[in-house]
Amino acid sequence: QLSENPPNHILFLTNLPEETNELMLSMLFNQFPGFKEVRLVPGRHDIAFVEFDTEVQAGAAPEGLE
């Protein structure tokens, strides 16, 4: 689930499945221009941050996953 917040170059992901890892998310978001990195929150398997070069690129990623 993606939280609805003002435009930002970092996506905040929540409610991720327990088996989610950085490699899985990197492979998923690597298909989008401007992808930089994924960071999982230590001790919280269900939260991650996905960073892009620009707000526009970050905003296009969720649309591409629908």
N, C-alpha and C. Protein backbone atom coordinates (compact mmCIF):
# COMPACT_ATOMS: atom_id res chain seq x y z
N GLN A 1 0.84 -1.17 0.00
CA GLN A 1 0.00 0.00 0.00
C GLN A 1 0.88 1.23 0.00
N LEU A 2 0.55 2.20 -0.82
CA LEU A 2 1.28 3.46 -0.89
C LEU A 2 0.49 4.52 -0.15
N SER A 3 1.12 5.24 0.74
CA SER A 3 0.46 6.30 1.49
C SER A 3 0.28 7.51 0.59
N GLU A 4 -0.86 8.20 0.77
CA GLU A 4 -1.13 9.42 0.01
C GLU A 4 -0.52 10.60 0.76
N ASN A 5 0.53 11.17 0.22
CA ASN A 5 1.21 12.31 0.81
C ASN A 5 1.54 13.30 -0.29
N PRO A 6 1.99 14.51 0.08
CA PRO A 6 2.42 15.46 -0.96
C PRO A 6 3.54 14.86 -1.81
N PRO A 7 3.74 15.38 -3.03
CA PRO A 7 4.79 14.84 -3.90
C PRO A 7 6.15 14.79 -3.22
N ASN A 8 6.86 13.71 -3.44
CA ASN A 8 8.16 13.50 -2.83
C ASN A 8 8.93 12.56 -3.75
N HIS A 9 10.25 12.59 -3.69
CA HIS A 9 11.03 11.67 -4.53
C HIS A 9 11.23 10.33 -3.82
N ILE A 10 10.69 10.18 -2.61
CA ILE A 10 10.77 8.92 -1.88
C ILE A 10 9.37 8.39 -1.63
N LEU A 11 9.12 7.16 -2.07
CA LEU A 11 7.84 6.52 -1.80
C LEU A 11 7.89 5.81 -0.45
N PHE A 12 6.81 5.89 0.29
CA PHE A 12 6.68 5.22 1.59
C PHE A 12 5.71 4.06 1.39
N LEU A 13 6.20 2.84 1.53
CA LEU A 13 5.38 1.65 1.33
C LEU A 13 5.01 1.05 2.68
N THR A 14 3.75 0.66 2.82
CA THR A 14 3.28 0.04 4.05
C THR A 14 2.51 -1.23 3.74
N ASN A 15 2.27 -2.02 4.78
CA ASN A 15 1.51 -3.28 4.65
C ASN A 15 2.16 -4.26 3.69
N LEU A 16 3.49 -4.30 3.68
CA LEU A 16 4.20 -5.25 2.82
C LEU A 16 4.12 -6.64 3.42
N PRO A 17 4.07 -7.68 2.58
CA PRO A 17 4.05 -9.06 3.09
C PRO A 17 5.33 -9.36 3.89
N GLU A 18 5.22 -10.28 4.82
CA GLU A 18 6.34 -10.62 5.69
C GLU A 18 7.57 -11.10 4.93
N GLU A 19 7.37 -11.76 3.79
CA GLU A 19 8.50 -12.30 3.03
C GLU A 19 9.20 -11.26 2.16
N THR A 20 8.73 -10.02 2.17
CA THR A 20 9.33 -8.96 1.35
C THR A 20 10.77 -8.68 1.79
N ASN A 21 11.66 -8.51 0.79
CA ASN A 21 13.04 -8.13 1.10
C ASN A 21 13.50 -7.06 0.11
N GLU A 22 14.67 -6.50 0.37
CA GLU A 22 15.17 -5.41 -0.47
C GLU A 22 15.38 -5.85 -1.92
N LEU A 23 15.84 -7.07 -2.12
CA LEU A 23 16.08 -7.56 -3.48
C LEU A 23 14.77 -7.62 -4.27
N MET A 24 13.72 -8.13 -3.64
CA MET A 24 12.41 -8.22 -4.32
C MET A 24 11.92 -6.84 -4.73
N LEU A 25 12.01 -5.88 -3.80
CA LEU A 25 11.54 -4.53 -4.10
C LEU A 25 12.43 -3.85 -5.15
N SER A 26 13.72 -4.08 -5.07
CA SER A 26 14.64 -3.51 -6.07
C SER A 26 14.32 -4.02 -7.47
N MET A 27 14.05 -5.32 -7.57
CA MET A 27 13.71 -5.90 -8.87
C MET A 27 12.40 -5.32 -9.40
N LEU A 28 11.46 -5.08 -8.51
CA LEU A 28 10.16 -4.54 -8.91
C LEU A 28 10.28 -3.10 -9.40
N PHE A 29 10.99 -2.27 -8.64
CA PHE A 29 11.05 -0.84 -8.96
C PHE A 29 12.17 -0.49 -9.93
N ASN A 30 13.09 -1.39 -10.18
CA ASN A 30 14.20 -1.13 -11.12
C ASN A 30 13.70 -0.88 -12.54
N GLN A 31 12.50 -1.31 -12.85
CA GLN A 31 11.94 -1.11 -14.19
C GLN A 31 11.53 0.35 -14.43
N PHE A 32 11.51 1.17 -13.39
CA PHE A 32 11.05 2.55 -13.53
C PHE A 32 12.24 3.51 -13.62
N PRO A 33 12.18 4.47 -14.55
CA PRO A 33 13.26 5.45 -14.69
C PRO A 33 13.47 6.23 -13.39
N GLY A 34 14.74 6.47 -13.07
CA GLY A 34 15.06 7.28 -11.91
C GLY A 34 15.16 6.51 -10.60
N PHE A 35 14.91 5.19 -10.64
CA PHE A 35 15.01 4.40 -9.41
C PHE A 35 16.42 4.47 -8.85
N LYS A 36 16.53 4.72 -7.53
CA LYS A 36 17.84 4.80 -6.89
C LYS A 36 18.07 3.66 -5.91
N GLU A 37 17.19 3.55 -4.89
CA GLU A 37 17.41 2.49 -3.91
C GLU A 37 16.16 2.19 -3.10
N VAL A 38 16.20 1.06 -2.41
CA VAL A 38 15.14 0.62 -1.51
C VAL A 38 15.75 0.50 -0.12
N ARG A 39 15.00 0.95 0.87
CA ARG A 39 15.44 0.79 2.26
C ARG A 39 14.28 0.22 3.08
N LEU A 40 14.52 -0.93 3.69
CA LEU A 40 13.54 -1.50 4.61
C LEU A 40 13.80 -0.92 6.00
N VAL A 41 12.74 -0.76 6.77
CA VAL A 41 12.88 -0.25 8.13
C VAL A 41 13.30 -1.41 9.03
N PRO A 42 14.45 -1.28 9.72
CA PRO A 42 14.92 -2.37 10.60
C PRO A 42 13.86 -2.73 11.64
N GLY A 43 13.61 -4.03 11.76
CA GLY A 43 12.64 -4.51 12.73
C GLY A 43 11.20 -4.40 12.27
N ARG A 44 10.97 -3.88 11.08
CA ARG A 44 9.61 -3.74 10.54
C ARG A 44 9.59 -4.28 9.12
N HIS A 45 9.18 -5.52 8.95
CA HIS A 45 9.16 -6.14 7.62
C HIS A 45 8.12 -5.50 6.71
N ASP A 46 7.16 -4.77 7.29
CA ASP A 46 6.02 -4.28 6.51
C ASP A 46 6.17 -2.84 6.02
N ILE A 47 7.34 -2.21 6.24
CA ILE A 47 7.54 -0.82 5.84
C ILE A 47 8.84 -0.69 5.04
N ALA A 48 8.77 0.09 3.95
CA ALA A 48 9.97 0.34 3.15
C ALA A 48 9.88 1.72 2.52
N PHE A 49 11.05 2.24 2.16
CA PHE A 49 11.17 3.49 1.42
C PHE A 49 11.83 3.19 0.09
N VAL A 50 11.28 3.76 -0.98
CA VAL A 50 11.84 3.57 -2.32
C VAL A 50 12.20 4.96 -2.85
N GLU A 51 13.48 5.16 -3.15
CA GLU A 51 13.95 6.48 -3.56
C GLU A 51 14.14 6.56 -5.07
N PHE A 52 13.71 7.71 -5.62
CA PHE A 52 13.87 8.02 -7.04
C PHE A 52 14.62 9.33 -7.18
N ASP A 53 15.08 9.63 -8.38
CA ASP A 53 15.80 10.88 -8.64
C ASP A 53 14.90 12.11 -8.48
N THR A 54 13.64 12.00 -8.94
CA THR A 54 12.74 13.16 -8.92
C THR A 54 11.36 12.77 -8.40
N GLU A 55 10.59 13.79 -8.01
CA GLU A 55 9.21 13.58 -7.58
C GLU A 55 8.36 13.00 -8.71
N VAL A 56 8.59 13.48 -9.93
CA VAL A 56 7.80 13.01 -11.08
C VAL A 56 8.03 11.51 -11.29
N GLN A 57 9.28 11.09 -11.21
CA GLN A 57 9.59 9.66 -11.41
C GLN A 57 8.99 8.83 -10.29
N ALA A 58 9.06 9.31 -9.07
CA ALA A 58 8.47 8.58 -7.94
C ALA A 58 6.96 8.49 -8.09
N GLY A 59 6.35 9.55 -8.59
CA GLY A 59 4.90 9.55 -8.78
C GLY A 59 4.44 8.63 -9.88
N ALA A 60 5.28 8.40 -10.87
CA ALA A 60 4.91 7.54 -11.99
C ALA A 60 4.98 6.06 -11.63
N ALA A 61 5.81 5.69 -10.66
CA ALA A 61 5.98 4.28 -10.31
C ALA A 61 4.69 3.62 -9.83
N PRO A 62 3.95 4.21 -8.88
CA PRO A 62 2.71 3.54 -8.43
C PRO A 62 1.71 3.37 -9.58
N GLU A 63 1.65 4.35 -10.47
CA GLU A 63 0.74 4.25 -11.61
C GLU A 63 1.15 3.08 -12.51
N GLY A 64 2.44 2.85 -12.64
CA GLY A 64 2.94 1.76 -13.48
C GLY A 64 2.69 0.39 -12.88
N LEU A 65 2.44 0.34 -11.59
CA LEU A 65 2.20 -0.94 -10.92
C LEU A 65 0.73 -1.34 -10.93
N GLU A 66 -0.15 -0.42 -11.27
CA GLU A 66 -1.59 -0.72 -11.24
C GLU A 66 -2.01 -1.62 -12.37
